[in-house]
Amino acid sequence: MMGIKQEGLAFELGDDWNQQKVSLLEAKEVIDDKLLVQIAGYLKVPVKSIKNFDEEAAINIISNTFTDFKDNAIANANHYNFNPLDKFVEAMEENKKLYERLLESEKEKVTLLERILKSTS
């Protein structure tokens, strides 16, 4: 999760460590306290955070925090970094523009139909 490769941790733990040994260590339920202190030191996290780590909780925190680059909104649970009223005004302006284009299109249709009717009579 922290972007640290098993090879890097093995190197930091000493000569008798390799990637396979770190992989086996990750699968263990209980790790020796002395080794845990060494790993925590390398990761720059408290030992307690490793002991209490809950992968499911961490994934939930990550999945509930996202950035939407489309409109520069950053959301974290229920916190939004944009004014909803501004978004509403933008939507109303867009609707107004669409209505004006539709009205202009209808006027062109009426004008065309009038010319056709005049030319056939």
N, C-alpha and C. Protein backbone atom coordinates (compact mmCIF):
# COMPACT_ATOMS: atom_id res chain seq x y z
N MET A 1 0.80 -1.19 0.00
CA MET A 1 0.00 0.00 0.00
C MET A 1 0.85 1.26 0.00
N MET A 2 2.03 1.17 0.57
CA MET A 2 2.87 2.36 0.69
C MET A 2 3.81 2.49 -0.50
N GLY A 3 3.71 1.62 -1.47
CA GLY A 3 4.56 1.70 -2.65
C GLY A 3 5.96 1.16 -2.42
N ILE A 4 6.14 0.40 -1.37
CA ILE A 4 7.45 -0.17 -1.05
C ILE A 4 7.46 -1.62 -1.53
N LYS A 5 8.48 -1.94 -2.28
CA LYS A 5 8.59 -3.30 -2.81
C LYS A 5 9.20 -4.23 -1.76
N GLN A 6 8.89 -5.51 -1.91
CA GLN A 6 9.40 -6.51 -0.97
C GLN A 6 10.92 -6.54 -1.00
N GLU A 7 11.50 -6.35 -2.19
CA GLU A 7 12.97 -6.35 -2.31
C GLU A 7 13.58 -5.23 -1.49
N GLY A 8 12.93 -4.05 -1.51
CA GLY A 8 13.43 -2.90 -0.75
C GLY A 8 13.39 -3.15 0.74
N LEU A 9 12.30 -3.73 1.22
CA LEU A 9 12.20 -4.06 2.64
C LEU A 9 13.23 -5.12 3.01
N ALA A 10 13.42 -6.11 2.16
CA ALA A 10 14.41 -7.16 2.42
C ALA A 10 15.80 -6.56 2.54
N PHE A 11 16.13 -5.64 1.66
CA PHE A 11 17.44 -4.98 1.71
C PHE A 11 17.63 -4.25 3.03
N GLU A 12 16.58 -3.54 3.49
CA GLU A 12 16.66 -2.78 4.74
C GLU A 12 16.75 -3.69 5.96
N LEU A 13 16.17 -4.88 5.88
CA LEU A 13 16.16 -5.79 7.02
C LEU A 13 17.49 -6.52 7.21
N GLY A 14 18.30 -6.60 6.19
CA GLY A 14 19.62 -7.21 6.35
C GLY A 14 19.92 -8.27 5.31
N ASP A 15 21.17 -8.78 5.40
CA ASP A 15 21.68 -9.72 4.40
C ASP A 15 20.94 -11.04 4.36
N ASP A 16 20.39 -11.48 5.48
CA ASP A 16 19.71 -12.79 5.49
C ASP A 16 18.25 -12.69 5.03
N TRP A 17 17.87 -11.54 4.51
CA TRP A 17 16.50 -11.35 4.01
C TRP A 17 16.48 -11.28 2.50
N ASN A 18 15.39 -11.80 1.90
CA ASN A 18 15.17 -11.69 0.46
C ASN A 18 13.66 -11.49 0.21
N GLN A 19 13.29 -11.32 -1.04
CA GLN A 19 11.89 -11.05 -1.39
C GLN A 19 10.97 -12.18 -0.94
N GLN A 20 11.40 -13.42 -1.11
CA GLN A 20 10.56 -14.55 -0.73
C GLN A 20 10.31 -14.58 0.78
N LYS A 21 11.34 -14.26 1.55
CA LYS A 21 11.21 -14.27 3.01
C LYS A 21 10.26 -13.15 3.47
N VAL A 22 10.32 -11.99 2.82
CA VAL A 22 9.41 -10.89 3.14
C VAL A 22 7.98 -11.29 2.77
N SER A 23 7.82 -11.98 1.64
CA SER A 23 6.50 -12.44 1.22
C SER A 23 5.90 -13.38 2.26
N LEU A 24 6.70 -14.29 2.79
CA LEU A 24 6.23 -15.20 3.84
C LEU A 24 5.91 -14.42 5.12
N LEU A 25 6.69 -13.39 5.40
CA LEU A 25 6.47 -12.56 6.59
C LEU A 25 5.11 -11.86 6.49
N GLU A 26 4.75 -11.40 5.30
CA GLU A 26 3.47 -10.71 5.09
C GLU A 26 2.28 -11.62 5.40
N ALA A 27 2.46 -12.91 5.21
CA ALA A 27 1.36 -13.86 5.42
C ALA A 27 1.19 -14.25 6.88
N LYS A 28 2.16 -13.92 7.71
CA LYS A 28 2.10 -14.30 9.13
C LYS A 28 1.06 -13.48 9.88
N GLU A 29 0.43 -14.13 10.86
CA GLU A 29 -0.52 -13.45 11.74
C GLU A 29 0.21 -12.72 12.86
N VAL A 30 1.31 -13.30 13.35
CA VAL A 30 2.06 -12.72 14.47
C VAL A 30 3.51 -12.57 14.04
N ILE A 31 4.07 -11.37 14.30
CA ILE A 31 5.47 -11.09 13.96
C ILE A 31 6.20 -10.74 15.26
N ASP A 32 7.42 -11.24 15.38
CA ASP A 32 8.27 -10.97 16.54
C ASP A 32 8.38 -9.45 16.77
N ASP A 33 8.25 -9.04 18.03
CA ASP A 33 8.26 -7.60 18.36
C ASP A 33 9.53 -6.89 17.90
N LYS A 34 10.68 -7.54 18.06
CA LYS A 34 11.95 -6.93 17.65
C LYS A 34 11.95 -6.66 16.15
N LEU A 35 11.48 -7.62 15.38
CA LEU A 35 11.41 -7.46 13.92
C LEU A 35 10.36 -6.40 13.56
N LEU A 36 9.27 -6.38 14.29
CA LEU A 36 8.22 -5.41 14.04
C LEU A 36 8.72 -3.98 14.26
N VAL A 37 9.53 -3.78 15.29
CA VAL A 37 10.12 -2.46 15.56
C VAL A 37 11.02 -2.05 14.39
N GLN A 38 11.80 -2.99 13.89
CA GLN A 38 12.70 -2.72 12.77
C GLN A 38 11.91 -2.34 11.51
N ILE A 39 10.86 -3.08 11.23
CA ILE A 39 10.03 -2.81 10.05
C ILE A 39 9.33 -1.46 10.20
N ALA A 40 8.78 -1.19 11.36
CA ALA A 40 8.10 0.08 11.61
C ALA A 40 9.06 1.25 11.43
N GLY A 41 10.29 1.07 11.87
CA GLY A 41 11.30 2.12 11.70
C GLY A 41 11.56 2.40 10.23
N TYR A 42 11.68 1.35 9.44
CA TYR A 42 11.91 1.54 8.00
C TYR A 42 10.71 2.20 7.33
N LEU A 43 9.51 1.78 7.71
CA LEU A 43 8.29 2.33 7.10
C LEU A 43 7.93 3.71 7.65
N LYS A 44 8.61 4.10 8.75
CA LYS A 44 8.33 5.39 9.41
C LYS A 44 6.88 5.48 9.89
N VAL A 45 6.44 4.40 10.52
CA VAL A 45 5.10 4.35 11.11
C VAL A 45 5.22 3.77 12.51
N PRO A 46 4.29 4.09 13.41
CA PRO A 46 4.34 3.49 14.74
C PRO A 46 4.05 1.99 14.70
N VAL A 47 4.67 1.25 15.59
CA VAL A 47 4.44 -0.19 15.69
C VAL A 47 2.95 -0.46 15.90
N LYS A 48 2.31 0.38 16.70
CA LYS A 48 0.89 0.21 17.00
C LYS A 48 0.04 0.25 15.73
N SER A 49 0.42 1.11 14.77
CA SER A 49 -0.37 1.18 13.54
C SER A 49 -0.23 -0.09 12.70
N ILE A 50 0.91 -0.74 12.79
CA ILE A 50 1.06 -2.02 12.08
C ILE A 50 0.24 -3.11 12.78
N LYS A 51 0.31 -3.13 14.11
CA LYS A 51 -0.43 -4.14 14.86
C LYS A 51 -1.95 -3.98 14.68
N ASN A 52 -2.42 -2.75 14.58
CA ASN A 52 -3.87 -2.49 14.47
C ASN A 52 -4.33 -2.29 13.03
N PHE A 53 -3.46 -2.54 12.07
CA PHE A 53 -3.81 -2.30 10.67
C PHE A 53 -4.97 -3.18 10.23
N ASP A 54 -5.95 -2.56 9.59
CA ASP A 54 -7.11 -3.26 9.04
C ASP A 54 -7.20 -2.92 7.57
N GLU A 55 -6.86 -3.88 6.72
CA GLU A 55 -6.82 -3.61 5.27
C GLU A 55 -8.17 -3.18 4.72
N GLU A 56 -9.24 -3.80 5.20
CA GLU A 56 -10.58 -3.44 4.73
C GLU A 56 -10.92 -2.00 5.07
N ALA A 57 -10.57 -1.57 6.28
CA ALA A 57 -10.83 -0.18 6.69
C ALA A 57 -10.02 0.79 5.84
N ALA A 58 -8.76 0.43 5.57
CA ALA A 58 -7.91 1.29 4.74
C ALA A 58 -8.47 1.42 3.34
N ILE A 59 -8.96 0.32 2.77
CA ILE A 59 -9.55 0.36 1.43
C ILE A 59 -10.80 1.22 1.42
N ASN A 60 -11.61 1.14 2.48
CA ASN A 60 -12.82 1.97 2.57
C ASN A 60 -12.46 3.45 2.62
N ILE A 61 -11.43 3.79 3.38
CA ILE A 61 -11.00 5.19 3.46
C ILE A 61 -10.54 5.67 2.09
N ILE A 62 -9.75 4.87 1.41
CA ILE A 62 -9.25 5.25 0.09
C ILE A 62 -10.40 5.38 -0.91
N SER A 63 -11.32 4.42 -0.89
CA SER A 63 -12.41 4.47 -1.87
C SER A 63 -13.40 5.59 -1.59
N ASN A 64 -13.46 6.09 -0.35
CA ASN A 64 -14.36 7.20 -0.02
C ASN A 64 -13.70 8.55 -0.22
N THR A 65 -12.46 8.56 -0.64
CA THR A 65 -11.74 9.80 -0.89
C THR A 65 -11.33 9.79 -2.35
N PHE A 66 -11.83 10.75 -3.11
CA PHE A 66 -11.50 10.78 -4.53
C PHE A 66 -11.41 12.20 -5.02
N THR A 67 -10.81 12.36 -6.20
CA THR A 67 -10.72 13.67 -6.83
C THR A 67 -11.37 13.56 -8.20
N ASP A 68 -12.26 14.48 -8.47
CA ASP A 68 -12.92 14.55 -9.77
C ASP A 68 -12.31 15.72 -10.51
N PHE A 69 -11.36 15.43 -11.42
CA PHE A 69 -10.64 16.49 -12.09
C PHE A 69 -11.49 17.22 -13.12
N LYS A 70 -12.64 16.67 -13.49
CA LYS A 70 -13.49 17.28 -14.50
C LYS A 70 -13.94 18.68 -14.07
N ASP A 71 -14.41 18.82 -12.86
CA ASP A 71 -14.86 20.14 -12.42
C ASP A 71 -14.11 20.60 -11.17
N ASN A 72 -12.89 20.04 -10.98
CA ASN A 72 -12.02 20.43 -9.88
C ASN A 72 -12.67 20.26 -8.51
N ALA A 73 -13.57 19.33 -8.39
CA ALA A 73 -14.22 19.08 -7.10
C ALA A 73 -13.44 17.99 -6.38
N ILE A 74 -13.19 18.21 -5.12
CA ILE A 74 -12.54 17.19 -4.30
C ILE A 74 -13.55 16.79 -3.24
N ALA A 75 -13.84 15.49 -3.20
CA ALA A 75 -14.84 15.04 -2.24
C ALA A 75 -14.19 14.08 -1.26
N ASN A 76 -14.52 14.25 -0.01
CA ASN A 76 -14.07 13.35 1.05
C ASN A 76 -15.29 13.10 1.91
N ALA A 77 -15.90 11.95 1.74
CA ALA A 77 -17.16 11.61 2.40
C ALA A 77 -18.22 12.62 1.99
N ASN A 78 -18.66 13.52 2.89
CA ASN A 78 -19.71 14.48 2.54
C ASN A 78 -19.20 15.90 2.40
N HIS A 79 -17.91 16.09 2.24
CA HIS A 79 -17.34 17.43 2.10
C HIS A 79 -17.07 17.73 0.63
N TYR A 80 -17.61 18.83 0.13
CA TYR A 80 -17.42 19.19 -1.28
C TYR A 80 -16.67 20.51 -1.37
N ASN A 81 -15.80 20.60 -2.36
CA ASN A 81 -14.96 21.77 -2.53
C ASN A 81 -15.52 22.71 -3.60
N PHE A 82 -16.82 22.70 -3.84
CA PHE A 82 -17.44 23.63 -4.77
C PHE A 82 -18.79 24.04 -4.22
N ASN A 83 -19.25 25.17 -4.70
CA ASN A 83 -20.51 25.72 -4.22
C ASN A 83 -21.66 25.14 -5.06
N PRO A 84 -22.57 24.39 -4.47
CA PRO A 84 -23.68 23.81 -5.23
C PRO A 84 -24.54 24.87 -5.92
N LEU A 85 -24.65 26.03 -5.32
CA LEU A 85 -25.43 27.10 -5.93
C LEU A 85 -24.78 27.55 -7.23
N ASP A 86 -23.46 27.63 -7.26
CA ASP A 86 -22.76 27.97 -8.50
C ASP A 86 -23.04 26.93 -9.58
N LYS A 87 -23.02 25.68 -9.21
CA LYS A 87 -23.31 24.61 -10.17
C LYS A 87 -24.74 24.73 -10.69
N PHE A 88 -25.68 25.07 -9.83
CA PHE A 88 -27.08 25.25 -10.24
C PHE A 88 -27.20 26.41 -11.21
N VAL A 89 -26.55 27.52 -10.94
CA VAL A 89 -26.59 28.69 -11.83
C VAL A 89 -25.98 28.34 -13.19
N GLU A 90 -24.87 27.59 -13.17
CA GLU A 90 -24.26 27.16 -14.44
C GLU A 90 -25.24 26.30 -15.24
N ALA A 91 -25.93 25.40 -14.57
CA ALA A 91 -26.90 24.53 -15.25
C ALA A 91 -28.05 25.36 -15.82
N MET A 92 -28.51 26.35 -15.09
CA MET A 92 -29.60 27.21 -15.57
C MET A 92 -29.15 28.01 -16.79
N GLU A 93 -27.93 28.51 -16.77
CA GLU A 93 -27.40 29.26 -17.93
C GLU A 93 -27.31 28.35 -19.15
N GLU A 94 -26.88 27.13 -18.95
CA GLU A 94 -26.80 26.18 -20.06
C GLU A 94 -28.19 25.88 -20.62
N ASN A 95 -29.17 25.71 -19.73
CA ASN A 95 -30.56 25.48 -20.17
C ASN A 95 -31.07 26.67 -20.98
N LYS A 96 -30.74 27.87 -20.53
CA LYS A 96 -31.18 29.08 -21.24
C LYS A 96 -30.59 29.11 -22.65
N LYS A 97 -29.31 28.79 -22.77
CA LYS A 97 -28.65 28.77 -24.08
C LYS A 97 -29.30 27.71 -24.99
N LEU A 98 -29.57 26.54 -24.43
CA LEU A 98 -30.22 25.49 -25.21
C LEU A 98 -31.61 25.93 -25.67
N TYR A 99 -32.37 26.57 -24.79
CA TYR A 99 -33.71 27.06 -25.14
C TYR A 99 -33.62 28.09 -26.26
N GLU A 100 -32.66 29.01 -26.19
CA GLU A 100 -32.50 30.02 -27.22
C GLU A 100 -32.14 29.39 -28.57
N ARG A 101 -31.30 28.38 -28.56
CA ARG A 101 -30.95 27.69 -29.83
C ARG A 101 -32.16 26.96 -30.38
N LEU A 102 -32.94 26.32 -29.52
CA LEU A 102 -34.15 25.62 -29.96
C LEU A 102 -35.14 26.61 -30.56
N LEU A 103 -35.34 27.73 -29.91
CA LEU A 103 -36.25 28.77 -30.40
C LEU A 103 -35.80 29.30 -31.76
N GLU A 104 -34.51 29.54 -31.91
CA GLU A 104 -33.98 30.02 -33.19
C GLU A 104 -34.20 28.98 -34.28
N SER A 105 -34.00 27.71 -33.95
CA SER A 105 -34.22 26.64 -34.91
C SER A 105 -35.68 26.58 -35.35
N GLU A 106 -36.58 26.74 -34.40
CA GLU A 106 -38.02 26.72 -34.73
C GLU A 106 -38.40 27.92 -35.61
N LYS A 107 -37.81 29.08 -35.34
CA LYS A 107 -38.08 30.26 -36.18
C LYS A 107 -37.61 30.01 -37.61
N GLU A 108 -36.45 29.38 -37.77
CA GLU A 108 -35.94 29.07 -39.10
C GLU A 108 -36.86 28.09 -39.83
N LYS A 109 -37.40 27.12 -39.10
CA LYS A 109 -38.34 26.17 -39.70
C LYS A 109 -39.60 26.89 -40.19
N VAL A 110 -40.13 27.79 -39.38
CA VAL A 110 -41.35 28.53 -39.75
C VAL A 110 -41.08 29.37 -40.99
N THR A 111 -39.94 30.06 -41.01
CA THR A 111 -39.59 30.88 -42.16
C THR A 111 -39.47 30.02 -43.42
N LEU A 112 -38.85 28.89 -43.31
CA LEU A 112 -38.70 27.98 -44.45
C LEU A 112 -40.05 27.47 -44.92
N LEU A 113 -40.92 27.09 -44.00
CA LEU A 113 -42.26 26.61 -44.37
C LEU A 113 -43.07 27.72 -45.03
N GLU A 114 -42.97 28.96 -44.57
CA GLU A 114 -43.68 30.09 -45.19
C GLU A 114 -43.20 30.29 -46.62
N ARG A 115 -41.90 30.21 -46.86
CA ARG A 115 -41.37 30.37 -48.23
C ARG A 115 -41.86 29.26 -49.14
N ILE A 116 -41.91 28.05 -48.60
CA ILE A 116 -42.38 26.93 -49.41
C ILE A 116 -43.84 27.11 -49.76
N LEU A 117 -44.65 27.53 -48.79
CA LEU A 117 -46.09 27.76 -49.03
C LEU A 117 -46.31 28.88 -50.05
N LYS A 118 -45.54 29.95 -49.98
CA LYS A 118 -45.67 31.05 -50.94
C LYS A 118 -45.28 30.63 -52.34
N SER A 119 -44.25 29.80 -52.43
CA SER A 119 -43.78 29.40 -53.75
C SER A 119 -44.72 28.40 -54.43
N THR A 120 -45.48 27.64 -53.65
CA THR A 120 -46.42 26.67 -54.24
C THR A 120 -47.76 27.30 -54.55
N SER A 121 -48.06 28.48 -54.05
CA SER A 121 -49.36 29.08 -54.31
C SER A 121 -49.34 30.01 -55.48
